[in-house]
Amino acid sequence: ELLALQKEVDSLRALEIEARKPKLYPFNPNYITDFKAYTLGMSP
């Protein structure tokens, strides 16, 4: 019962972390700005 409860808490925590991430919508990669490149994880 304790393991099941811990799994549920971990799942809720993962959902909360995912919800905090910035939303990503379809975009034309030709117009990536320096800030967008940073948020996407591209190196300089």
All heavy atoms as atom14 arrays in JSON, in Angstrom:
{
  "sequence": "ELLALQKEVDSLRALEIEARKPKLYPFNPNYITDFKAYTLGMSP",
  "atom14_mask": [
    [1, 1, 1, 1, 1, 1, 1, 1, 1, 0, 0, 0, 0, 0],
    [1, 1, 1, 1, 1, 1, 1, 1, 0, 0, 0, 0, 0, 0],
    [1, 1, 1, 1, 1, 1, 1, 1, 0, 0, 0, 0, 0, 0],
    [1, 1, 1, 1, 1, 0, 0, 0, 0, 0, 0, 0, 0, 0],
    [1, 1, 1, 1, 1, 1, 1, 1, 0, 0, 0, 0, 0, 0],
    [1, 1, 1, 1, 1, 1, 1, 1, 1, 0, 0, 0, 0, 0],
    [1, 1, 1, 1, 1, 1, 1, 1, 1, 0, 0, 0, 0, 0],
    [1, 1, 1, 1, 1, 1, 1, 1, 1, 0, 0, 0, 0, 0],
    [1, 1, 1, 1, 1, 1, 1, 0, 0, 0, 0, 0, 0, 0],
    [1, 1, 1, 1, 1, 1, 1, 1, 0, 0, 0, 0, 0, 0],
    [1, 1, 1, 1, 1, 1, 0, 0, 0, 0, 0, 0, 0, 0],
    [1, 1, 1, 1, 1, 1, 1, 1, 0, 0, 0, 0, 0, 0],
    [1, 1, 1, 1, 1, 1, 1, 1, 1, 1, 1, 0, 0, 0],
    [1, 1, 1, 1, 1, 0, 0, 0, 0, 0, 0, 0, 0, 0],
    [1, 1, 1, 1, 1, 1, 1, 1, 0, 0, 0, 0, 0, 0],
    [1, 1, 1, 1, 1, 1, 1, 1, 1, 0, 0, 0, 0, 0],
    [1, 1, 1, 1, 1, 1, 1, 1, 0, 0, 0, 0, 0, 0],
    [1, 1, 1, 1, 1, 1, 1, 1, 1, 0, 0, 0, 0, 0],
    [1, 1, 1, 1, 1, 0, 0, 0, 0, 0, 0, 0, 0, 0],
    [1, 1, 1, 1, 1, 1, 1, 1, 1, 1, 1, 0, 0, 0],
    [1, 1, 1, 1, 1, 1, 1, 1, 1, 0, 0, 0, 0, 0],
    [1, 1, 1, 1, 1, 1, 1, 0, 0, 0, 0, 0, 0, 0],
    [1, 1, 1, 1, 1, 1, 1, 1, 1, 0, 0, 0, 0, 0],
    [1, 1, 1, 1, 1, 1, 1, 1, 0, 0, 0, 0, 0, 0],
    [1, 1, 1, 1, 1, 1, 1, 1, 1, 1, 1, 1, 0, 0],
    [1, 1, 1, 1, 1, 1, 1, 0, 0, 0, 0, 0, 0, 0],
    [1, 1, 1, 1, 1, 1, 1, 1, 1, 1, 1, 0, 0, 0],
    [1, 1, 1, 1, 1, 1, 1, 1, 0, 0, 0, 0, 0, 0],
    [1, 1, 1, 1, 1, 1, 1, 0, 0, 0, 0, 0, 0, 0],
    [1, 1, 1, 1, 1, 1, 1, 1, 0, 0, 0, 0, 0, 0],
    [1, 1, 1, 1, 1, 1, 1, 1, 1, 1, 1, 1, 0, 0],
    [1, 1, 1, 1, 1, 1, 1, 1, 0, 0, 0, 0, 0, 0],
    [1, 1, 1, 1, 1, 1, 1, 0, 0, 0, 0, 0, 0, 0],
    [1, 1, 1, 1, 1, 1, 1, 1, 0, 0, 0, 0, 0, 0],
    [1, 1, 1, 1, 1, 1, 1, 1, 1, 1, 1, 0, 0, 0],
    [1, 1, 1, 1, 1, 1, 1, 1, 1, 0, 0, 0, 0, 0],
    [1, 1, 1, 1, 1, 0, 0, 0, 0, 0, 0, 0, 0, 0],
    [1, 1, 1, 1, 1, 1, 1, 1, 1, 1, 1, 1, 0, 0],
    [1, 1, 1, 1, 1, 1, 1, 0, 0, 0, 0, 0, 0, 0],
    [1, 1, 1, 1, 1, 1, 1, 1, 0, 0, 0, 0, 0, 0],
    [1, 1, 1, 1, 0, 0, 0, 0, 0, 0, 0, 0, 0, 0],
    [1, 1, 1, 1, 1, 1, 1, 1, 0, 0, 0, 0, 0, 0],
    [1, 1, 1, 1, 1, 1, 0, 0, 0, 0, 0, 0, 0, 0],
    [1, 1, 1, 1, 1, 1, 1, 0, 0, 0, 0, 0, 0, 0]
  ],
  "atom14_positions": [
    [[0.84, -1.21, 0.0], [0.0, 0.0, 0.0], [0.87, 1.25, 0.0], [0.58, 2.23, -0.69], [-0.93, -0.01, 1.21], [-1.97, -1.12, 1.17], [-2.9, -1.06, 2.37], [-2.73, -0.15, 3.2], [-3.81, -1.91, 2.46], [0.0, 0.0, 0.0], [0.0, 0.0, 0.0], [0.0, 0.0, 0.0], [0.0, 0.0, 0.0], [0.0, 0.0, 0.0]],
    [[1.97, 1.19, 0.78], [2.87, 2.33, 0.84], [3.57, 2.54, -0.51], [3.72, 3.67, -0.98], [3.91, 2.12, 1.94], [4.94, 3.24, 2.13], [4.24, 4.53, 2.52], [5.97, 2.86, 3.17], [0.0, 0.0, 0.0], [0.0, 0.0, 0.0], [0.0, 0.0, 0.0], [0.0, 0.0, 0.0], [0.0, 0.0, 0.0], [0.0, 0.0, 0.0]],
    [[3.97, 1.45, -1.16], [4.62, 1.55, -2.46], [3.68, 2.13, -3.51], [4.07, 2.93, -4.37], [5.13, 0.17, -2.9], [6.29, -0.42, -2.08], [6.6, -1.83, -2.55], [7.53, 0.47, -2.2], [0.0, 0.0, 0.0], [0.0, 0.0, 0.0], [0.0, 0.0, 0.0], [0.0, 0.0, 0.0], [0.0, 0.0, 0.0], [0.0, 0.0, 0.0]],
    [[2.42, 1.7, -3.46], [1.43, 2.21, -4.41], [1.2, 3.71, -4.2], [1.09, 4.48, -5.17], [0.11, 1.45, -4.25], [0.0, 0.0, 0.0], [0.0, 0.0, 0.0], [0.0, 0.0, 0.0], [0.0, 0.0, 0.0], [0.0, 0.0, 0.0], [0.0, 0.0, 0.0], [0.0, 0.0, 0.0], [0.0, 0.0, 0.0], [0.0, 0.0, 0.0]],
    [[1.16, 4.13, -2.93], [0.98, 5.54, -2.62], [2.17, 6.36, -3.09], [2.01, 7.46, -3.65], [0.77, 5.72, -1.11], [0.53, 7.15, -0.63], [-0.73, 7.72, -1.27], [0.42, 7.18, 0.89], [0.0, 0.0, 0.0], [0.0, 0.0, 0.0], [0.0, 0.0, 0.0], [0.0, 0.0, 0.0], [0.0, 0.0, 0.0], [0.0, 0.0, 0.0]],
    [[3.39, 5.83, -2.88], [4.6, 6.53, -3.31], [4.64, 6.66, -4.83], [5.06, 7.69, -5.38], [5.84, 5.77, -2.82], [7.16, 6.44, -3.16], [7.31, 7.81, -2.52], [6.98, 7.96, -1.35], [7.77, 8.78, -3.29], [0.0, 0.0, 0.0], [0.0, 0.0, 0.0], [0.0, 0.0, 0.0], [0.0, 0.0, 0.0], [0.0, 0.0, 0.0]],
    [[4.19, 5.62, -5.54], [4.15, 5.65, -7.0], [3.2, 6.72, -7.5], [3.48, 7.44, -8.46], [3.74, 4.27, -7.53], [3.79, 4.16, -9.04], [3.44, 2.75, -9.48], [3.51, 2.64, -11.01], [3.16, 1.27, -11.46], [0.0, 0.0, 0.0], [0.0, 0.0, 0.0], [0.0, 0.0, 0.0], [0.0, 0.0, 0.0], [0.0, 0.0, 0.0]],
    [[2.07, 6.85, -6.82], [1.09, 7.88, -7.2], [1.64, 9.29, -6.96], [1.47, 10.19, -7.79], [-0.2, 7.68, -6.4], [-1.31, 8.65, -6.79], [-2.6, 8.37, -6.05], [-2.67, 7.35, -5.32], [-3.54, 9.18, -6.19], [0.0, 0.0, 0.0], [0.0, 0.0, 0.0], [0.0, 0.0, 0.0], [0.0, 0.0, 0.0], [0.0, 0.0, 0.0]],
    [[2.33, 9.46, -5.84], [2.95, 10.77, -5.55], [4.0, 11.11, -6.59], [4.08, 12.25, -7.07], [3.57, 10.76, -4.13], [4.38, 12.02, -3.9], [2.47, 10.65, -3.07], [0.0, 0.0, 0.0], [0.0, 0.0, 0.0], [0.0, 0.0, 0.0], [0.0, 0.0, 0.0], [0.0, 0.0, 0.0], [0.0, 0.0, 0.0], [0.0, 0.0, 0.0]],
    [[4.84, 10.12, -6.95], [5.87, 10.35, -7.96], [5.25, 10.71, -9.31], [5.78, 11.56, -10.05], [6.74, 9.1, -8.12], [7.6, 8.84, -6.88], [7.78, 9.79, -6.09], [8.07, 7.7, -6.71], [0.0, 0.0, 0.0], [0.0, 0.0, 0.0], [0.0, 0.0, 0.0], [0.0, 0.0, 0.0], [0.0, 0.0, 0.0], [0.0, 0.0, 0.0]],
    [[4.12, 10.05, -9.63], [3.43, 10.34, -10.89], [2.9, 11.76, -10.91], [3.03, 12.48, -11.91], [2.29, 9.34, -11.11], [1.58, 9.64, -12.28], [0.0, 0.0, 0.0], [0.0, 0.0, 0.0], [0.0, 0.0, 0.0], [0.0, 0.0, 0.0], [0.0, 0.0, 0.0], [0.0, 0.0, 0.0], [0.0, 0.0, 0.0], [0.0, 0.0, 0.0]],
    [[2.3, 12.19, -9.8], [1.78, 13.56, -9.72], [2.9, 14.58, -9.79], [2.75, 15.64, -10.41], [0.99, 13.74, -8.42], [-0.32, 12.95, -8.31], [-0.92, 13.09, -6.91], [-1.32, 13.46, -9.36], [0.0, 0.0, 0.0], [0.0, 0.0, 0.0], [0.0, 0.0, 0.0], [0.0, 0.0, 0.0], [0.0, 0.0, 0.0], [0.0, 0.0, 0.0]],
    [[4.05, 14.25, -9.17], [5.19, 15.16, -9.2], [5.72, 15.29, -10.64], [6.07, 16.38, -11.09], [6.3, 14.64, -8.29], [7.49, 15.61, -8.2], [8.6, 15.08, -7.32], [8.19, 15.02, -5.92], [8.0, 13.9, -5.23], [8.18, 12.72, -5.82], [7.64, 13.93, -3.98], [0.0, 0.0, 0.0], [0.0, 0.0, 0.0], [0.0, 0.0, 0.0]],
    [[5.75, 14.17, -11.37], [6.22, 14.19, -12.76], [5.28, 15.01, -13.64], [5.74, 15.75, -14.52], [6.33, 12.76, -13.3], [0.0, 0.0, 0.0], [0.0, 0.0, 0.0], [0.0, 0.0, 0.0], [0.0, 0.0, 0.0], [0.0, 0.0, 0.0], [0.0, 0.0, 0.0], [0.0, 0.0, 0.0], [0.0, 0.0, 0.0], [0.0, 0.0, 0.0]],
    [[3.97, 14.89, -13.4], [3.0, 15.67, -14.16], [3.16, 17.16, -13.89], [3.03, 17.99, -14.79], [1.57, 15.22, -13.81], [1.15, 13.84, -14.31], [-0.22, 13.48, -13.77], [1.12, 13.82, -15.83], [0.0, 0.0, 0.0], [0.0, 0.0, 0.0], [0.0, 0.0, 0.0], [0.0, 0.0, 0.0], [0.0, 0.0, 0.0], [0.0, 0.0, 0.0]],
    [[3.44, 17.5, -12.63], [3.62, 18.91, -12.26], [4.87, 19.48, -12.94], [4.85, 20.61, -13.44], [3.75, 19.02, -10.74], [4.01, 20.44, -10.24], [2.88, 21.38, -10.5], [1.75, 20.89, -10.71], [3.11, 22.6, -10.51], [0.0, 0.0, 0.0], [0.0, 0.0, 0.0], [0.0, 0.0, 0.0], [0.0, 0.0, 0.0], [0.0, 0.0, 0.0]],
    [[5.96, 18.69, -12.98], [7.19, 19.14, -13.63], [6.96, 19.33, -15.13], [7.42, 20.3, -15.73], [8.33, 18.13, -13.38], [8.7, 18.12, -11.87], [9.55, 18.46, -14.22], [9.7, 17.05, -11.51], [0.0, 0.0, 0.0], [0.0, 0.0, 0.0], [0.0, 0.0, 0.0], [0.0, 0.0, 0.0], [0.0, 0.0, 0.0], [0.0, 0.0, 0.0]],
    [[6.21, 18.41, -15.73], [5.93, 18.48, -17.15], [5.06, 19.69, -17.48], [5.24, 20.35, -18.5], [5.22, 17.19, -17.62], [5.06, 17.08, -19.12], [6.38, 16.94, -19.84], [7.34, 16.45, -19.25], [6.43, 17.34, -21.02], [0.0, 0.0, 0.0], [0.0, 0.0, 0.0], [0.0, 0.0, 0.0], [0.0, 0.0, 0.0], [0.0, 0.0, 0.0]],
    [[4.11, 19.99, -16.56], [3.21, 21.13, -16.77], [3.95, 22.46, -16.7], [3.55, 23.44, -17.31], [2.09, 21.11, -15.75], [0.0, 0.0, 0.0], [0.0, 0.0, 0.0], [0.0, 0.0, 0.0], [0.0, 0.0, 0.0], [0.0, 0.0, 0.0], [0.0, 0.0, 0.0], [0.0, 0.0, 0.0], [0.0, 0.0, 0.0], [0.0, 0.0, 0.0]],
    [[5.05, 22.5, -15.95], [5.82, 23.73, -15.81], [6.71, 24.0, -17.01], [7.2, 25.11, -17.18], [6.68, 23.67, -14.54], [5.86, 23.7, -13.25], [6.78, 23.61, -12.05], [6.02, 23.6, -10.8], [6.57, 23.45, -9.59], [7.88, 23.3, -9.49], [5.82, 23.44, -8.51], [0.0, 0.0, 0.0], [0.0, 0.0, 0.0], [0.0, 0.0, 0.0]],
    [[6.95, 22.98, -17.83], [7.8, 23.17, -19.0], [7.1, 24.05, -20.01], [5.88, 24.01, -20.15], [8.14, 21.81, -19.64], [9.03, 20.92, -18.8], [9.33, 19.62, -19.54], [10.25, 18.72, -18.72], [10.53, 17.44, -19.42], [0.0, 0.0, 0.0], [0.0, 0.0, 0.0], [0.0, 0.0, 0.0], [0.0, 0.0, 0.0], [0.0, 0.0, 0.0]],
    [[7.84, 24.9, -20.75], [7.21, 25.76, -21.76], [6.6, 24.93, -22.88], [7.17, 23.91, -23.3], [8.39, 26.61, -22.26], [9.62, 25.82, -21.92], [9.3, 25.1, -20.64], [0.0, 0.0, 0.0], [0.0, 0.0, 0.0], [0.0, 0.0, 0.0], [0.0, 0.0, 0.0], [0.0, 0.0, 0.0], [0.0, 0.0, 0.0], [0.0, 0.0, 0.0]],
    [[5.43, 25.36, -23.35], [4.74, 24.65, -24.41], [5.5, 24.84, -25.73], [6.05, 25.9, -26.0], [3.32, 25.18, -24.57], [2.45, 25.01, -23.31], [2.19, 23.55, -23.0], [1.26, 23.42, -21.79], [1.02, 22.01, -21.43], [0.0, 0.0, 0.0], [0.0, 0.0, 0.0], [0.0, 0.0, 0.0], [0.0, 0.0, 0.0], [0.0, 0.0, 0.0]],
    [[5.5, 23.8, -26.54], [6.18, 23.85, -27.82], [5.16, 23.65, -28.92], [4.42, 22.66, -28.92], [7.27, 22.76, -27.89], [8.24, 22.82, -29.07], [8.99, 24.16, -29.05], [9.24, 21.67, -29.0], [0.0, 0.0, 0.0], [0.0, 0.0, 0.0], [0.0, 0.0, 0.0], [0.0, 0.0, 0.0], [0.0, 0.0, 0.0], [0.0, 0.0, 0.0]],
    [[5.07, 24.62, -29.82], [4.11, 24.57, -30.91], [4.87, 24.44, -32.23], [6.06, 24.75, -32.32], [3.27, 25.85, -30.91], [2.47, 26.04, -29.64], [2.94, 26.87, -28.63], [1.26, 25.39, -29.45], [2.23, 27.05, -27.46], [0.53, 25.56, -28.29], [1.02, 26.4, -27.29], [0.3, 26.57, -26.13], [0.0, 0.0, 0.0], [0.0, 0.0, 0.0]],
    [[4.18, 23.98, -33.3], [4.85, 23.87, -34.6], [5.45, 25.2, -35.04], [4.84, 26.25, -34.86], [3.7, 23.43, -35.53], [2.74, 22.71, -34.63], [2.8, 23.47, -33.32], [0.0, 0.0, 0.0], [0.0, 0.0, 0.0], [0.0, 0.0, 0.0], [0.0, 0.0, 0.0], [0.0, 0.0, 0.0], [0.0, 0.0, 0.0], [0.0, 0.0, 0.0]],
    [[6.65, 25.16, -35.6], [7.34, 26.38, -36.02], [8.24, 26.08, -37.21], [8.63, 24.93, -37.44], [8.18, 26.96, -34.87], [9.3, 26.05, -34.42], [10.58, 26.19, -34.92], [9.05, 25.03, -33.5], [11.6, 25.35, -34.51], [10.06, 24.19, -33.08], [11.35, 24.35, -33.59], [0.0, 0.0, 0.0], [0.0, 0.0, 0.0], [0.0, 0.0, 0.0]],
    [[8.53, 27.12, -37.98], [9.44, 27.01, -39.11], [10.88, 27.15, -38.59], [11.24, 28.2, -38.07], [9.14, 28.1, -40.13], [9.92, 27.91, -41.43], [11.0, 27.33, -41.44], [9.36, 28.4, -42.52], [0.0, 0.0, 0.0], [0.0, 0.0, 0.0], [0.0, 0.0, 0.0], [0.0, 0.0, 0.0], [0.0, 0.0, 0.0], [0.0, 0.0, 0.0]],
    [[11.7, 26.11, -38.71], [13.06, 26.17, -38.15], [13.95, 27.21, -38.8], [15.0, 27.54, -38.26], [13.59, 24.75, -38.39], [12.79, 24.22, -39.52], [11.43, 24.82, -39.38], [0.0, 0.0, 0.0], [0.0, 0.0, 0.0], [0.0, 0.0, 0.0], [0.0, 0.0, 0.0], [0.0, 0.0, 0.0], [0.0, 0.0, 0.0], [0.0, 0.0, 0.0]],
    [[13.53, 27.75, -39.94], [14.32, 28.8, -40.58], [14.33, 30.09, -39.77], [15.21, 30.93, -39.94], [13.79, 29.09, -41.99], [14.16, 28.01, -42.99], [15.3, 27.88, -43.39], [13.18, 27.2, -43.37], [0.0, 0.0, 0.0], [0.0, 0.0, 0.0], [0.0, 0.0, 0.0], [0.0, 0.0, 0.0], [0.0, 0.0, 0.0], [0.0, 0.0, 0.0]],
    [[13.32, 30.24, -38.88], [13.17, 31.5, -38.15], [13.44, 31.34, -36.66], [12.89, 32.08, -35.84], [11.77, 32.08, -38.39], [11.5, 32.35, -39.84], [10.59, 31.58, -40.55], [12.18, 33.35, -40.5], [10.35, 31.82, -41.89], [11.95, 33.59, -41.85], [11.03, 32.83, -42.54], [10.81, 33.06, -43.87], [0.0, 0.0, 0.0], [0.0, 0.0, 0.0]],
    [[14.25, 30.38, -36.3], [14.63, 30.22, -34.89], [15.47, 31.42, -34.46], [16.46, 31.76, -35.1], [15.42, 28.92, -34.67], [14.52, 27.7, -34.92], [16.0, 28.86, -33.27], [15.24, 26.37, -34.78], [0.0, 0.0, 0.0], [0.0, 0.0, 0.0], [0.0, 0.0, 0.0], [0.0, 0.0, 0.0], [0.0, 0.0, 0.0], [0.0, 0.0, 0.0]],
    [[15.06, 32.06, -33.37], [15.84, 33.18, -32.83], [16.87, 32.66, -31.84], [16.82, 31.47, -31.46], [14.91, 34.18, -32.12], [14.25, 33.52, -31.02], [13.85, 34.71, -33.08], [0.0, 0.0, 0.0], [0.0, 0.0, 0.0], [0.0, 0.0, 0.0], [0.0, 0.0, 0.0], [0.0, 0.0, 0.0], [0.0, 0.0, 0.0], [0.0, 0.0, 0.0]],
    [[17.76, 33.54, -31.39], [18.77, 33.1, -30.44], [18.13, 32.66, -29.13], [18.57, 31.7, -28.49], [19.82, 34.2, -30.2], [19.16, 35.54, -29.89], [17.93, 35.62, -29.9], [19.9, 36.5, -29.63], [0.0, 0.0, 0.0], [0.0, 0.0, 0.0], [0.0, 0.0, 0.0], [0.0, 0.0, 0.0], [0.0, 0.0, 0.0], [0.0, 0.0, 0.0]],
    [[17.06, 33.36, -28.7], [16.39, 32.97, -27.45], [15.68, 31.64, -27.61], [15.75, 30.78, -26.72], [15.39, 34.05, -27.03], [14.61, 33.7, -25.8], [15.2, 33.75, -24.54], [13.29, 33.28, -25.89], [14.49, 33.4, -23.41], [12.57, 32.94, -24.75], [13.17, 33.0, -23.51], [0.0, 0.0, 0.0], [0.0, 0.0, 0.0], [0.0, 0.0, 0.0]],
    [[15.0, 31.45, -28.74], [14.3, 30.18, -28.96], [15.29, 29.02, -29.06], [15.02, 27.93, -28.56], [13.44, 30.25, -30.23], [12.48, 29.06, -30.4], [11.55, 29.28, -31.55], [10.53, 28.14, -31.66], [9.62, 28.1, -30.53], [0.0, 0.0, 0.0], [0.0, 0.0, 0.0], [0.0, 0.0, 0.0], [0.0, 0.0, 0.0], [0.0, 0.0, 0.0]],
    [[16.44, 29.29, -29.69], [17.47, 28.25, -29.77], [17.93, 27.85, -28.38], [18.16, 26.66, -28.1], [18.65, 28.75, -30.6], [0.0, 0.0, 0.0], [0.0, 0.0, 0.0], [0.0, 0.0, 0.0], [0.0, 0.0, 0.0], [0.0, 0.0, 0.0], [0.0, 0.0, 0.0], [0.0, 0.0, 0.0], [0.0, 0.0, 0.0], [0.0, 0.0, 0.0]],
    [[18.04, 28.83, -27.49], [18.45, 28.55, -26.11], [17.4, 27.7, -25.4], [17.75, 26.72, -24.72], [18.66, 29.87, -25.36], [18.82, 29.72, -23.87], [20.01, 29.26, -23.3], [17.77, 30.04, -23.01], [20.15, 29.11, -21.94], [17.9, 29.89, -21.64], [19.09, 29.43, -21.1], [19.21, 29.28, -19.75], [0.0, 0.0, 0.0], [0.0, 0.0, 0.0]],
    [[16.13, 28.06, -25.55], [15.06, 27.3, -24.88], [14.92, 25.89, -25.45], [14.5, 24.98, -24.74], [13.72, 28.03, -24.99], [13.38, 28.2, -26.38], [13.78, 29.39, -24.32], [0.0, 0.0, 0.0], [0.0, 0.0, 0.0], [0.0, 0.0, 0.0], [0.0, 0.0, 0.0], [0.0, 0.0, 0.0], [0.0, 0.0, 0.0], [0.0, 0.0, 0.0]],
    [[15.27, 25.72, -26.72], [15.17, 24.4, -27.34], [16.36, 23.51, -26.99], [16.33, 22.31, -27.24], [15.08, 24.54, -28.86], [13.79, 25.15, -29.42], [13.9, 25.32, -30.93], [12.58, 24.29, -29.07], [0.0, 0.0, 0.0], [0.0, 0.0, 0.0], [0.0, 0.0, 0.0], [0.0, 0.0, 0.0], [0.0, 0.0, 0.0], [0.0, 0.0, 0.0]],
    [[17.42, 24.12, -26.45], [18.59, 23.34, -26.06], [19.67, 23.28, -27.12], [20.58, 22.44, -27.04], [0.0, 0.0, 0.0], [0.0, 0.0, 0.0], [0.0, 0.0, 0.0], [0.0, 0.0, 0.0], [0.0, 0.0, 0.0], [0.0, 0.0, 0.0], [0.0, 0.0, 0.0], [0.0, 0.0, 0.0], [0.0, 0.0, 0.0], [0.0, 0.0, 0.0]],
    [[19.6, 24.18, -28.11], [20.67, 24.23, -29.11], [21.88, 24.94, -28.52], [21.75, 25.88, -27.74], [20.2, 24.98, -30.36], [19.18, 24.24, -31.2], [18.69, 25.22, -32.67], [20.24, 25.23, -33.6], [0.0, 0.0, 0.0], [0.0, 0.0, 0.0], [0.0, 0.0, 0.0], [0.0, 0.0, 0.0], [0.0, 0.0, 0.0], [0.0, 0.0, 0.0]],
    [[23.06, 24.51, -28.92], [24.28, 25.17, -28.47], [24.48, 26.45, -29.28], [23.96, 26.57, -30.4], [25.49, 24.24, -28.65], [25.77, 24.06, -30.02], [0.0, 0.0, 0.0], [0.0, 0.0, 0.0], [0.0, 0.0, 0.0], [0.0, 0.0, 0.0], [0.0, 0.0, 0.0], [0.0, 0.0, 0.0], [0.0, 0.0, 0.0], [0.0, 0.0, 0.0]],
    [[25.22, 27.42, -28.73], [25.49, 28.66, -29.48], [26.15, 28.38, -30.84], [25.86, 29.06, -31.82], [26.42, 29.44, -28.56], [26.09, 28.94, -27.18], [25.76, 27.49, -27.35], [0.0, 0.0, 0.0], [0.0, 0.0, 0.0], [0.0, 0.0, 0.0], [0.0, 0.0, 0.0], [0.0, 0.0, 0.0], [0.0, 0.0, 0.0], [0.0, 0.0, 0.0]]
  ]
}
